[in-house]
Amino acid sequence: MLDRVRPMTLVRIAVAAVFFIHGGYRLITGGYLPFGEWLGSLGFPAGVVWAVAVTAIEVLGAPLLAAGRFVTPLAGYFIFQTALGIWLVHMSNGWFVVGGGRNGMEYSVLLIVLLATVLLEARRR
């Protein structure tokens, strides 16, 4: 059965699963409130509203991305969101997520490359 699945489909589903789990965990644990307060402390107006919106896009958009729907806008949005996360959080912690450091940007860079690949493939169709 797997021999009939396109490799890019697996990449798209895997990346979507990462965002769905990320947003779903934040939703279930109420993590959008501290996330929103943190955004507000950075100067984002209505930080909690932004946090709820980000969470909603992850929880609702990721399954659509996995299903191959709205791939271009969703992949583009997730690239932007991840790049913003690098800029706001991970860049100052260096490259490594674990091992040579902590909370760095290597994982986020990989997600961006995978999302860019999904986006380019979708635009070629």
Protein backbone atom coordinates (compact mmCIF):
# COMPACT_ATOMS: atom_id res chain seq x y z
CA MET A 1 0.00 0.00 0.00
CA LEU A 2 2.78 2.47 0.86
CA ASP A 3 4.30 1.99 -2.59
CA ARG A 4 1.25 3.83 -3.99
CA VAL A 5 1.63 6.84 -1.69
CA ARG A 6 3.51 9.79 -3.12
CA PRO A 7 6.51 10.74 -0.97
CA MET A 8 5.41 14.38 -0.91
CA THR A 9 2.07 13.30 0.51
CA LEU A 10 3.89 11.69 3.45
CA VAL A 11 5.91 14.86 4.01
CA ARG A 12 2.79 17.04 3.87
CA ILE A 13 0.91 14.79 6.35
CA ALA A 14 3.88 14.61 8.73
CA VAL A 15 4.38 18.37 8.78
CA ALA A 16 0.65 18.92 9.24
CA ALA A 17 0.66 16.46 12.16
CA VAL A 18 3.42 18.44 13.86
CA PHE A 19 1.39 21.66 13.69
CA PHE A 20 -1.85 19.93 14.70
CA ILE A 21 -0.26 18.38 17.78
CA HIS A 22 1.44 21.67 18.66
CA GLY A 23 -1.81 23.63 18.49
CA GLY A 24 -3.91 20.84 19.97
CA TYR A 25 -1.70 20.59 23.03
CA ARG A 26 -1.86 24.37 23.49
CA LEU A 27 -5.66 24.25 23.16
CA ILE A 28 -6.19 21.32 25.55
CA THR A 29 -3.85 22.65 28.24
CA GLY A 30 -5.01 26.26 27.99
CA GLY A 31 -1.52 27.22 26.89
CA TYR A 32 -2.93 29.87 24.58
CA LEU A 33 -3.45 32.14 27.62
CA PRO A 34 0.21 32.31 28.70
CA PHE A 35 1.21 32.36 25.03
CA GLY A 36 -1.07 35.35 24.51
CA GLU A 37 0.26 37.11 27.59
CA TRP A 38 3.80 36.54 26.33
CA LEU A 39 2.87 37.99 22.92
CA GLY A 40 1.35 40.98 24.71
CA SER A 41 4.56 41.46 26.69
CA LEU A 42 6.41 41.67 23.38
CA GLY A 43 4.12 44.49 22.27
CA PHE A 44 1.64 42.55 20.17
CA PRO A 45 -1.76 44.21 20.63
CA ALA A 46 -4.44 41.78 21.83
CA GLY A 47 -1.88 39.06 22.48
CA VAL A 48 -4.43 36.52 23.65
CA VAL A 49 -6.50 37.06 20.49
CA TRP A 50 -3.39 36.41 18.40
CA ALA A 51 -2.59 33.30 20.44
CA VAL A 52 -6.12 31.96 19.97
CA ALA A 53 -5.93 32.68 16.24
CA VAL A 54 -2.57 30.89 15.89
CA THR A 55 -3.93 27.94 17.87
CA ALA A 56 -7.09 27.80 15.75
CA ILE A 57 -5.14 27.88 12.50
CA GLU A 58 -2.93 25.04 13.73
CA VAL A 59 -5.85 22.91 14.92
CA LEU A 60 -8.16 23.60 11.98
CA GLY A 61 -5.66 24.27 9.21
CA ALA A 62 -3.31 21.35 9.77
CA PRO A 63 -5.92 18.67 8.93
CA LEU A 64 -6.78 20.60 5.77
CA LEU A 65 -3.09 20.71 4.86
CA ALA A 66 -2.79 16.96 5.52
CA ALA A 67 -5.78 16.36 3.24
CA GLY A 68 -4.18 18.41 0.47
CA ARG A 69 -6.64 21.29 0.74
CA PHE A 70 -5.55 24.97 0.73
CA VAL A 71 -1.95 23.79 0.58
CA THR A 72 -0.45 27.01 -0.78
CA PRO A 73 -1.96 29.46 1.75
CA LEU A 74 -1.55 27.08 4.70
CA ALA A 75 2.05 26.14 3.90
CA GLY A 76 2.81 29.83 3.34
CA TYR A 77 1.23 30.76 6.65
CA PHE A 78 3.05 28.01 8.56
CA ILE A 79 6.36 29.13 7.00
CA PHE A 80 5.67 32.68 8.20
CA GLN A 81 4.62 31.50 11.67
CA THR A 82 7.70 29.31 12.04
CA ALA A 83 10.04 32.03 10.79
CA LEU A 84 8.50 34.43 13.31
CA GLY A 85 9.08 31.83 16.03
CA ILE A 86 12.73 31.61 15.01
CA TRP A 87 13.06 35.38 15.16
CA LEU A 88 11.22 35.83 18.46
CA VAL A 89 12.49 32.77 20.36
CA HIS A 90 14.88 30.31 18.82
CA MET A 91 17.54 32.43 17.09
CA SER A 92 18.80 33.85 20.37
CA ASN A 93 19.25 30.28 21.63
CA GLY A 94 21.52 29.28 18.77
CA TRP A 95 21.22 26.35 16.41
CA PHE A 96 20.72 23.26 18.55
CA VAL A 97 17.41 22.17 20.06
CA VAL A 98 19.21 19.68 22.34
CA GLY A 99 22.75 18.41 22.69
CA GLY A 100 24.90 21.38 21.74
CA GLY A 101 22.39 23.82 23.17
CA ARG A 102 18.75 24.19 24.12
CA ASN A 103 15.67 25.56 22.32
CA GLY A 104 17.62 26.53 19.21
CA MET A 105 16.35 26.89 15.68
CA GLU A 106 17.41 23.67 13.92
CA TYR A 107 13.99 22.01 14.17
CA SER A 108 12.20 25.14 12.95
CA VAL A 109 14.55 25.49 9.99
CA LEU A 110 13.83 21.89 9.02
CA LEU A 111 10.08 22.56 9.24
CA ILE A 112 10.46 25.60 6.98
CA VAL A 113 12.42 23.59 4.40
CA LEU A 114 9.78 20.83 4.45
CA LEU A 115 6.95 23.37 4.17
CA ALA A 116 8.73 25.16 1.31
CA THR A 117 9.07 21.81 -0.48
CA VAL A 118 5.36 21.10 0.01
CA LEU A 119 4.53 24.62 -1.21
CA LEU A 120 6.71 24.34 -4.31
CA GLU A 121 5.24 20.94 -5.16
CA ALA A 122 1.70 22.29 -4.81
CA ARG A 123 2.46 25.25 -7.06
CA ARG A 124 3.91 22.97 -9.74
CA ARG A 125 0.61 21.14 -10.07
